[in-house]
């Protein structure tokens, strides 16, 4: 019992939830600082420390004078784009360069052609295209038997076929 009273005497601290990103953006804590905020940094030539930057004065004048115009909406309707047909010359089928001696005839002579090495050999073959067309393939008999007209089935045969799978 004493242990229970000891625990009850401790202050109950609620766990503090971390703020959401949206809360941190909307309600900034301006007292937060970074440890590097008050330090001076060396940039090579001189030290940069917290303070104001020294800049020369400058003047800016807006030289662009803009005007506003009241304009109505314009409906173009149909737009004529033209025919876009251009006059063209016929293509030249003749060359600008002339082939020299194109019409001159040259003398030619016959050259003997020697026989091929296998010219004397003969091979067995049958005449091409002399066999009659029979209109039947190698399994035509089986196809004819399968597709032959059959007598109509009787009622008992139909019942037997329907009850076959039961």
N, C-alpha and C. Protein backbone atom coordinates (compact mmCIF):
# COMPACT_ATOMS: atom_id res chain seq x y z
N UNK A 1 0.82 -1.19 0.00
CA UNK A 1 0.00 0.00 0.00
C UNK A 1 0.86 1.25 0.00
N UNK A 2 1.97 1.16 0.73
CA UNK A 2 2.87 2.31 0.79
C UNK A 2 3.49 2.58 -0.57
N UNK A 3 3.72 1.50 -1.34
CA UNK A 3 4.29 1.67 -2.68
C UNK A 3 3.31 2.40 -3.58
N UNK A 4 2.04 2.13 -3.43
CA UNK A 4 1.02 2.80 -4.24
C UNK A 4 0.94 4.27 -3.89
N UNK A 5 1.06 4.58 -2.62
CA UNK A 5 1.01 5.99 -2.22
C UNK A 5 2.22 6.74 -2.71
N UNK A 6 3.37 6.06 -2.78
CA UNK A 6 4.60 6.70 -3.27
C UNK A 6 4.49 7.06 -4.75
N UNK A 7 3.86 6.19 -5.48
CA UNK A 7 3.68 6.47 -6.91
C UNK A 7 2.66 7.58 -7.13
N UNK A 8 1.67 7.63 -6.29
CA UNK A 8 0.63 8.64 -6.43
C UNK A 8 1.16 10.02 -6.11
N UNK A 9 2.22 10.08 -5.27
CA UNK A 9 2.76 11.37 -4.86
C UNK A 9 3.60 12.01 -5.96
N UNK A 10 4.07 11.20 -6.95
CA UNK A 10 4.87 11.76 -8.05
C UNK A 10 3.99 12.61 -8.95
N UNK A 11 4.53 13.73 -9.43
CA UNK A 11 3.73 14.56 -10.32
C UNK A 11 3.55 13.86 -11.67
N UNK A 12 2.38 13.91 -12.20
CA UNK A 12 2.09 13.27 -13.48
C UNK A 12 2.37 14.27 -14.60
N UNK A 13 3.41 14.01 -15.39
CA UNK A 13 3.76 14.91 -16.50
C UNK A 13 3.23 14.35 -17.81
N UNK A 14 2.47 15.14 -18.50
CA UNK A 14 1.91 14.69 -19.77
C UNK A 14 2.98 14.76 -20.85
N UNK A 15 2.94 13.84 -21.77
CA UNK A 15 3.91 13.85 -22.86
C UNK A 15 3.56 14.97 -23.83
N UNK A 16 4.57 15.79 -24.14
CA UNK A 16 4.32 16.92 -25.03
C UNK A 16 4.51 16.44 -26.47
N UNK A 17 3.51 16.62 -27.29
CA UNK A 17 3.57 16.19 -28.68
C UNK A 17 4.41 17.16 -29.50
N UNK A 18 5.13 16.62 -30.49
CA UNK A 18 5.89 17.48 -31.39
C UNK A 18 4.91 18.19 -32.32
N UNK A 19 5.18 19.43 -32.57
CA UNK A 19 4.25 20.20 -33.41
C UNK A 19 4.34 19.73 -34.87
N UNK A 20 3.24 19.82 -35.55
CA UNK A 20 3.23 19.43 -36.95
C UNK A 20 3.93 20.49 -37.78
N UNK A 21 4.29 20.13 -38.98
CA UNK A 21 5.00 21.06 -39.86
C UNK A 21 4.15 22.30 -40.13
N UNK A 22 2.87 22.12 -40.32
CA UNK A 22 1.99 23.25 -40.59
C UNK A 22 1.93 24.19 -39.39
N UNK A 23 1.90 23.62 -38.17
CA UNK A 23 1.91 24.46 -36.97
C UNK A 23 3.22 25.22 -36.85
N UNK A 24 4.33 24.56 -37.18
CA UNK A 24 5.63 25.24 -37.08
C UNK A 24 5.76 26.37 -38.09
N UNK A 25 5.12 26.21 -39.26
CA UNK A 25 5.18 27.28 -40.27
C UNK A 25 4.25 28.42 -39.90
N UNK A 26 3.03 28.09 -39.49
CA UNK A 26 2.04 29.13 -39.17
C UNK A 26 2.40 29.91 -37.91
N UNK A 27 2.84 29.22 -36.90
CA UNK A 27 3.13 29.87 -35.59
C UNK A 27 4.61 29.68 -35.28
N UNK A 28 5.44 30.55 -35.86
CA UNK A 28 6.88 30.43 -35.66
C UNK A 28 7.28 30.86 -34.25
N UNK A 29 8.26 30.16 -33.71
CA UNK A 29 8.82 30.53 -32.42
C UNK A 29 10.01 31.44 -32.69
N UNK A 30 9.87 32.72 -32.42
CA UNK A 30 10.90 33.69 -32.77
C UNK A 30 12.05 33.69 -31.77
N UNK A 31 11.94 32.95 -30.70
CA UNK A 31 13.01 32.89 -29.71
C UNK A 31 14.04 31.80 -30.02
N UNK A 32 13.75 30.95 -31.01
CA UNK A 32 14.68 29.89 -31.36
C UNK A 32 15.90 30.49 -32.05
N UNK A 33 17.08 30.01 -31.72
CA UNK A 33 18.32 30.50 -32.34
C UNK A 33 19.16 29.30 -32.76
N UNK A 34 20.09 29.58 -33.64
CA UNK A 34 21.03 28.57 -34.11
C UNK A 34 22.37 28.89 -33.46
N UNK A 35 23.14 27.88 -33.12
CA UNK A 35 24.40 28.11 -32.42
C UNK A 35 25.41 28.87 -33.28
N UNK A 36 25.30 28.81 -34.58
CA UNK A 36 26.23 29.50 -35.47
C UNK A 36 25.83 30.94 -35.73
N UNK A 37 24.74 31.37 -35.17
CA UNK A 37 24.18 32.68 -35.51
C UNK A 37 25.09 33.84 -35.11
N UNK A 38 25.82 33.74 -34.03
CA UNK A 38 26.62 34.85 -33.55
C UNK A 38 28.10 34.68 -33.88
N UNK A 39 28.48 33.69 -34.65
CA UNK A 39 29.88 33.45 -34.96
C UNK A 39 30.30 34.20 -36.21
N UNK A 40 31.57 34.48 -36.33
CA UNK A 40 32.13 35.12 -37.52
C UNK A 40 32.72 34.03 -38.41
N UNK A 41 32.59 34.17 -39.72
CA UNK A 41 33.08 33.18 -40.66
C UNK A 41 34.15 33.81 -41.53
N UNK A 42 35.19 33.05 -41.84
CA UNK A 42 36.24 33.52 -42.73
C UNK A 42 35.92 33.07 -44.14
N UNK A 43 35.89 34.02 -45.08
CA UNK A 43 35.56 33.68 -46.46
C UNK A 43 36.78 33.78 -47.36
N UNK A 44 37.94 33.80 -46.81
CA UNK A 44 39.14 33.88 -47.63
C UNK A 44 39.84 35.20 -47.43
N UNK A 45 39.22 36.31 -47.84
CA UNK A 45 39.86 37.63 -47.75
C UNK A 45 39.52 38.34 -46.45
N UNK A 46 38.31 38.25 -46.03
CA UNK A 46 37.91 38.96 -44.81
C UNK A 46 36.86 38.15 -44.06
N UNK A 47 36.68 38.53 -42.84
CA UNK A 47 35.73 37.83 -42.00
C UNK A 47 34.34 38.41 -42.18
N UNK A 48 33.36 37.54 -42.21
CA UNK A 48 31.97 37.97 -42.30
C UNK A 48 31.35 37.70 -40.94
N UNK A 49 30.79 38.72 -40.36
CA UNK A 49 30.17 38.54 -39.05
C UNK A 49 28.76 39.08 -39.09
N UNK A 50 28.08 38.89 -37.98
CA UNK A 50 26.71 39.34 -37.89
C UNK A 50 26.69 40.86 -37.93
N UNK A 51 25.79 41.38 -38.71
CA UNK A 51 25.69 42.84 -38.81
C UNK A 51 25.12 43.22 -40.15
N UNK A 52 25.20 44.46 -40.46
CA UNK A 52 24.66 44.95 -41.72
C UNK A 52 25.70 44.82 -42.82
N UNK A 53 25.24 44.58 -44.00
CA UNK A 53 26.14 44.50 -45.15
C UNK A 53 26.38 45.90 -45.68
N UNK A 54 27.60 46.17 -46.09
CA UNK A 54 27.93 47.48 -46.65
C UNK A 54 27.77 47.42 -48.16
N UNK A 55 26.85 48.17 -48.69
CA UNK A 55 26.62 48.24 -50.13
C UNK A 55 26.58 49.69 -50.55
N UNK A 56 26.94 49.94 -51.82
CA UNK A 56 26.85 51.31 -52.33
C UNK A 56 25.40 51.60 -52.69
N UNK A 57 25.06 52.86 -52.66
CA UNK A 57 23.68 53.25 -52.95
C UNK A 57 23.42 53.13 -54.45
N UNK A 58 22.22 52.81 -54.78
CA UNK A 58 21.85 52.75 -56.19
C UNK A 58 20.44 53.30 -56.33
N UNK A 59 20.16 53.73 -57.57
CA UNK A 59 18.85 54.31 -57.86
C UNK A 59 18.22 53.52 -58.99
N UNK A 60 16.96 53.19 -58.83
CA UNK A 60 16.23 52.45 -59.85
C UNK A 60 15.02 53.25 -60.26
N UNK A 61 14.91 53.49 -61.56
CA UNK A 61 13.71 54.19 -62.03
C UNK A 61 13.01 53.30 -63.05
N UNK A 62 11.72 53.19 -62.89
CA UNK A 62 10.91 52.38 -63.79
C UNK A 62 10.63 53.20 -65.04
N UNK A 63 11.29 52.88 -66.14
CA UNK A 63 11.16 53.68 -67.36
C UNK A 63 10.09 53.12 -68.29
N UNK A 64 9.49 52.04 -67.95
CA UNK A 64 8.47 51.46 -68.80
C UNK A 64 7.12 52.00 -68.36
N UNK A 65 6.49 52.74 -69.25
CA UNK A 65 5.16 53.28 -68.96
C UNK A 65 4.14 52.40 -69.66
N UNK A 66 3.42 51.64 -68.91
CA UNK A 66 2.44 50.75 -69.50
C UNK A 66 1.08 51.41 -69.48
N UNK A 67 0.32 51.14 -70.53
CA UNK A 67 -1.03 51.67 -70.62
C UNK A 67 -2.00 50.49 -70.70
N UNK A 68 -3.20 50.74 -70.30
CA UNK A 68 -4.23 49.72 -70.42
C UNK A 68 -5.20 50.16 -71.50
N UNK A 69 -5.68 49.21 -72.24
CA UNK A 69 -6.62 49.48 -73.32
C UNK A 69 -7.88 48.66 -73.09
N UNK A 70 -8.98 49.26 -73.38
CA UNK A 70 -10.25 48.54 -73.31
C UNK A 70 -10.49 47.93 -74.68
N UNK A 71 -10.59 46.63 -74.74
CA UNK A 71 -10.79 45.95 -76.00
C UNK A 71 -11.98 45.00 -75.87
N UNK A 72 -12.71 44.87 -76.98
CA UNK A 72 -13.84 43.95 -77.01
C UNK A 72 -13.36 42.58 -77.46
N UNK A 73 -14.15 41.58 -77.17
CA UNK A 73 -13.84 40.23 -77.65
C UNK A 73 -14.06 40.19 -79.15
N UNK A 74 -13.17 39.54 -79.86
CA UNK A 74 -13.25 39.46 -81.31
C UNK A 74 -13.51 38.02 -81.71
N UNK A 75 -14.56 37.81 -82.49
CA UNK A 75 -14.88 36.48 -82.98
C UNK A 75 -14.48 36.42 -84.44
N UNK A 76 -13.52 35.58 -84.77
CA UNK A 76 -12.98 35.53 -86.12
C UNK A 76 -13.90 34.82 -87.10
N UNK A 77 -14.76 33.97 -86.66
CA UNK A 77 -15.62 33.23 -87.58
C UNK A 77 -14.79 32.25 -88.38
N UNK A 78 -15.04 32.22 -89.71
CA UNK A 78 -14.27 31.32 -90.55
C UNK A 78 -13.04 32.04 -91.07
N UNK A 79 -11.95 31.30 -91.16
CA UNK A 79 -10.69 31.87 -91.63
C UNK A 79 -10.34 31.25 -92.96
N UNK A 80 -10.08 32.07 -93.96
CA UNK A 80 -9.70 31.58 -95.28
C UNK A 80 -8.20 31.39 -95.30
N UNK A 81 -7.78 30.18 -95.58
CA UNK A 81 -6.35 29.91 -95.59
C UNK A 81 -5.78 29.90 -96.99
N UNK A 82 -6.59 30.05 -97.98
CA UNK A 82 -6.07 30.09 -99.34
C UNK A 82 -6.00 28.72 -99.96
N UNK A 83 -5.63 28.69 -101.22
CA UNK A 83 -5.58 27.46 -101.97
C UNK A 83 -4.22 26.77 -101.84
N UNK A 84 -3.20 27.54 -101.63
CA UNK A 84 -1.84 27.04 -101.44
C UNK A 84 -1.37 26.15 -102.58
N UNK A 85 -1.74 26.47 -103.80
CA UNK A 85 -1.22 25.77 -104.96
C UNK A 85 -0.25 26.71 -105.64
N UNK A 86 0.93 26.24 -105.89
CA UNK A 86 1.96 27.06 -106.49
C UNK A 86 2.27 26.55 -107.88
N UNK A 87 2.60 27.45 -108.77
CA UNK A 87 2.97 27.07 -110.13
C UNK A 87 4.33 26.39 -110.09
N UNK A 88 4.45 25.26 -110.78
CA UNK A 88 5.72 24.54 -110.81
C UNK A 88 6.08 24.24 -112.26
N UNK A 89 7.36 24.14 -112.50
CA UNK A 89 7.85 23.75 -113.83
C UNK A 89 7.91 22.24 -113.90
N UNK A 90 7.85 21.71 -115.12
CA UNK A 90 7.98 20.27 -115.29
C UNK A 90 9.41 19.86 -114.97
N UNK A 91 9.54 18.68 -114.41
CA UNK A 91 10.87 18.18 -114.09
C UNK A 91 11.61 17.84 -115.37
N UNK A 92 12.88 18.15 -115.39
CA UNK A 92 13.70 17.88 -116.57
C UNK A 92 14.13 16.43 -116.55
N UNK A 93 13.91 15.75 -117.66
CA UNK A 93 14.30 14.34 -117.75
C UNK A 93 15.64 14.19 -118.45
N UNK A 94 16.16 15.27 -118.98
CA UNK A 94 17.46 15.21 -119.65
C UNK A 94 18.51 15.78 -118.72
N UNK A 95 19.70 15.30 -118.89
CA UNK A 95 20.80 15.74 -118.05
C UNK A 95 21.45 16.98 -118.66
N UNK A 96 21.99 17.81 -117.83
CA UNK A 96 22.70 18.99 -118.32
C UNK A 96 24.04 18.57 -118.90
N UNK A 97 24.54 17.42 -118.51
CA UNK A 97 25.82 16.94 -119.02
C UNK A 97 25.58 15.96 -120.17
N UNK A 98 26.37 16.04 -121.17
CA UNK A 98 26.24 15.17 -122.34
C UNK A 98 27.25 14.05 -122.22
N UNK A 99 26.79 12.82 -122.48
CA UNK A 99 27.69 11.67 -122.44
C UNK A 99 28.45 11.64 -123.76
N UNK A 100 29.77 11.72 -123.71
CA UNK A 100 30.53 11.75 -124.97
C UNK A 100 30.46 10.41 -125.69
N UNK A 101 30.32 10.44 -127.00
CA UNK A 101 30.28 9.26 -127.89
C UNK A 101 29.15 8.30 -127.53
N UNK A 102 28.01 8.81 -127.03
CA UNK A 102 26.91 7.94 -126.63
C UNK A 102 26.28 7.26 -127.83
N UNK A 103 26.29 7.86 -128.98
CA UNK A 103 25.65 7.26 -130.16
C UNK A 103 26.62 6.47 -131.02
N UNK A 104 27.89 6.40 -130.67
CA UNK A 104 28.89 5.70 -131.48
C UNK A 104 28.77 4.20 -131.26
N UNK A 105 28.87 3.40 -132.34
CA UNK A 105 28.82 1.95 -132.26
C UNK A 105 30.24 1.41 -132.15
N UNK A 106 30.42 0.41 -131.32
CA UNK A 106 31.72 -0.22 -131.15
C UNK A 106 31.67 -1.64 -131.67
N UNK A 107 32.77 -2.12 -132.17
CA UNK A 107 32.84 -3.47 -132.73
C UNK A 107 32.96 -4.47 -131.57
N UNK A 108 32.24 -5.58 -131.71
CA UNK A 108 32.31 -6.65 -130.72
C UNK A 108 32.61 -7.94 -131.43
N UNK A 109 33.12 -8.92 -130.72
CA UNK A 109 33.39 -10.22 -131.34
C UNK A 109 32.84 -11.32 -130.45
N UNK A 110 32.55 -12.46 -131.06
CA UNK A 110 32.01 -13.60 -130.33
C UNK A 110 33.14 -14.30 -129.58
N UNK A 111 32.82 -14.80 -128.39
CA UNK A 111 33.78 -15.53 -127.60
C UNK A 111 33.22 -16.92 -127.37
N UNK A 112 34.06 -17.92 -127.51
CA UNK A 112 33.61 -19.30 -127.33
C UNK A 112 33.33 -19.57 -125.85
N UNK A 113 32.25 -20.30 -125.62
CA UNK A 113 31.87 -20.64 -124.26
C UNK A 113 32.20 -22.10 -124.05
N UNK A 114 32.94 -22.44 -123.02
CA UNK A 114 33.29 -23.84 -122.80
C UNK A 114 32.16 -24.53 -122.03
N UNK A 115 32.10 -25.80 -122.16
CA UNK A 115 31.06 -26.59 -121.53
C UNK A 115 31.32 -26.71 -120.03
N UNK A 116 30.26 -26.84 -119.27
CA UNK A 116 30.38 -27.02 -117.84
C UNK A 116 30.88 -28.43 -117.54
N UNK A 117 31.49 -28.64 -116.39
CA UNK A 117 32.07 -29.94 -116.04
C UNK A 117 30.98 -31.00 -115.91
N UNK A 118 29.79 -30.64 -115.46
CA UNK A 118 28.72 -31.62 -115.26
C UNK A 118 27.75 -31.67 -116.45
N UNK A 119 28.11 -31.16 -117.58
CA UNK A 119 27.19 -31.10 -118.72
C UNK A 119 26.79 -32.47 -119.22
N UNK A 120 27.63 -33.49 -119.08
CA UNK A 120 27.34 -34.82 -119.59
C UNK A 120 26.53 -35.66 -118.61
N UNK A 121 26.42 -35.26 -117.35
CA UNK A 121 25.71 -36.05 -116.36
C UNK A 121 24.21 -35.89 -116.53
N UNK A 122 23.47 -36.97 -116.24
CA UNK A 122 22.02 -36.91 -116.30
C UNK A 122 21.45 -37.35 -114.96
N UNK A 123 20.27 -36.85 -114.64
CA UNK A 123 19.61 -37.17 -113.38
C UNK A 123 18.20 -37.61 -113.67
N UNK A 124 17.70 -38.58 -112.85
CA UNK A 124 16.35 -39.05 -113.04
C UNK A 124 15.38 -37.99 -112.52
N UNK A 125 14.32 -37.79 -113.25
CA UNK A 125 13.25 -36.90 -112.82
C UNK A 125 11.99 -37.24 -113.58
N UNK A 126 10.88 -36.82 -113.07
CA UNK A 126 9.66 -37.05 -113.81
C UNK A 126 9.24 -35.75 -114.48
N UNK A 127 8.38 -35.86 -115.43
CA UNK A 127 7.95 -34.68 -116.16
C UNK A 127 7.15 -33.77 -115.25
N UNK A 128 7.38 -32.54 -115.35
CA UNK A 128 6.70 -31.54 -114.52
C UNK A 128 5.33 -31.25 -115.10
N UNK A 129 4.30 -31.30 -114.30
CA UNK A 129 2.96 -30.90 -114.71
C UNK A 129 2.21 -31.90 -115.55
N UNK A 130 2.66 -33.13 -115.64
CA UNK A 130 1.92 -34.11 -116.45
C UNK A 130 1.01 -34.99 -115.61
N UNK A 131 1.13 -34.95 -114.29
CA UNK A 131 0.31 -35.75 -113.42
C UNK A 131 -1.07 -35.13 -113.30
N UNK A 132 -2.10 -35.96 -113.32
CA UNK A 132 -3.45 -35.44 -113.23
C UNK A 132 -3.78 -35.03 -111.80
N UNK A 133 -4.59 -34.00 -111.65
CA UNK A 133 -5.03 -33.53 -110.33
C UNK A 133 -6.18 -34.41 -109.88
N UNK A 134 -6.04 -35.00 -108.71
CA UNK A 134 -7.06 -35.92 -108.22
C UNK A 134 -8.03 -35.22 -107.26
N UNK A 135 -7.67 -34.08 -106.72
CA UNK A 135 -8.56 -33.34 -105.85
C UNK A 135 -8.75 -33.96 -104.49
N UNK A 136 -7.90 -34.91 -104.11
CA UNK A 136 -8.04 -35.59 -102.83
C UNK A 136 -6.69 -35.56 -102.12
N UNK A 137 -6.74 -35.30 -100.82
CA UNK A 137 -5.53 -35.33 -100.03
C UNK A 137 -5.25 -36.71 -99.50
N UNK A 138 -4.19 -36.83 -98.73
CA UNK A 138 -3.80 -38.15 -98.23
C UNK A 138 -4.77 -38.68 -97.17
N UNK A 139 -5.50 -37.82 -96.47
CA UNK A 139 -6.45 -38.27 -95.44
C UNK A 139 -7.88 -37.95 -95.85
N UNK A 140 -8.10 -37.85 -97.14
CA UNK A 140 -9.42 -37.45 -97.61
C UNK A 140 -10.47 -38.48 -97.26
N UNK A 141 -10.12 -39.78 -97.26
CA UNK A 141 -11.09 -40.83 -96.93
C UNK A 141 -11.60 -40.68 -95.50
N UNK A 142 -10.72 -40.37 -94.55
CA UNK A 142 -11.14 -40.20 -93.16
C UNK A 142 -12.04 -38.98 -93.02
N UNK A 143 -11.73 -37.91 -93.74
CA UNK A 143 -12.57 -36.71 -93.68
C UNK A 143 -13.94 -36.95 -94.29
N UNK A 144 -13.96 -37.71 -95.40
CA UNK A 144 -15.25 -38.01 -96.03
C UNK A 144 -16.12 -38.85 -95.10
N UNK A 145 -15.53 -39.84 -94.41
CA UNK A 145 -16.31 -40.70 -93.51
C UNK A 145 -16.84 -39.90 -92.33
N UNK A 146 -16.05 -38.93 -91.85
CA UNK A 146 -16.47 -38.12 -90.71
C UNK A 146 -17.60 -37.16 -91.08
N UNK A 147 -17.55 -36.63 -92.29
CA UNK A 147 -18.54 -35.64 -92.71
C UNK A 147 -19.64 -36.23 -93.59
N UNK A 148 -19.71 -37.52 -93.67
CA UNK A 148 -20.73 -38.16 -94.52
C UNK A 148 -22.11 -37.89 -93.93
N UNK A 149 -23.12 -37.77 -94.79
CA UNK A 149 -24.48 -37.56 -94.27
C UNK A 149 -24.93 -38.77 -93.47
N UNK A 150 -25.51 -38.51 -92.32
CA UNK A 150 -25.93 -39.58 -91.42
C UNK A 150 -27.45 -39.59 -91.31
N UNK A 151 -27.95 -40.75 -90.94
CA UNK A 151 -29.39 -40.87 -90.75
C UNK A 151 -29.78 -40.13 -89.47
N UNK A 152 -30.97 -39.59 -89.43
CA UNK A 152 -31.40 -38.89 -88.21
C UNK A 152 -31.48 -39.84 -87.03
N UNK A 153 -31.19 -39.33 -85.84
CA UNK A 153 -31.20 -40.15 -84.63
C UNK A 153 -32.63 -40.37 -84.15
N UNK A 154 -32.81 -41.51 -83.53
CA UNK A 154 -34.11 -41.81 -82.95
C UNK A 154 -34.18 -41.17 -81.57
N UNK A 155 -35.35 -41.18 -80.96
CA UNK A 155 -35.55 -40.59 -79.64
C UNK A 155 -34.72 -41.34 -78.61
N UNK A 156 -34.64 -42.66 -78.71
CA UNK A 156 -33.85 -43.45 -77.76
C UNK A 156 -32.37 -43.13 -77.89
N UNK A 157 -31.89 -42.93 -79.11
CA UNK A 157 -30.48 -42.59 -79.30
C UNK A 157 -30.16 -41.20 -78.73
N UNK A 158 -31.07 -40.25 -78.86
CA UNK A 158 -30.88 -38.92 -78.30
C UNK A 158 -30.83 -39.01 -76.78
N UNK A 159 -31.74 -39.78 -76.17
CA UNK A 159 -31.74 -39.94 -74.72
C UNK A 159 -30.43 -40.56 -74.24
N UNK A 160 -29.96 -41.54 -74.98
CA UNK A 160 -28.71 -42.21 -74.62
C UNK A 160 -27.55 -41.23 -74.68
N UNK A 161 -27.51 -40.37 -75.71
CA UNK A 161 -26.45 -39.36 -75.82
C UNK A 161 -26.52 -38.34 -74.70
N UNK A 162 -27.73 -37.91 -74.36
CA UNK A 162 -27.89 -36.90 -73.31
C UNK A 162 -27.56 -37.45 -71.94
N UNK A 163 -27.82 -38.71 -71.68
CA UNK A 163 -27.58 -39.32 -70.38
C UNK A 163 -26.22 -39.96 -70.27
N UNK A 164 -25.40 -39.81 -71.29
CA UNK A 164 -24.09 -40.45 -71.33
C UNK A 164 -23.18 -39.95 -70.22
N UNK A 165 -23.20 -38.66 -69.90
CA UNK A 165 -22.28 -38.05 -68.95
C UNK A 165 -22.75 -38.19 -67.50
N UNK A 166 -23.94 -38.71 -67.25
CA UNK A 166 -24.47 -38.79 -65.88
C UNK A 166 -23.96 -39.97 -65.16
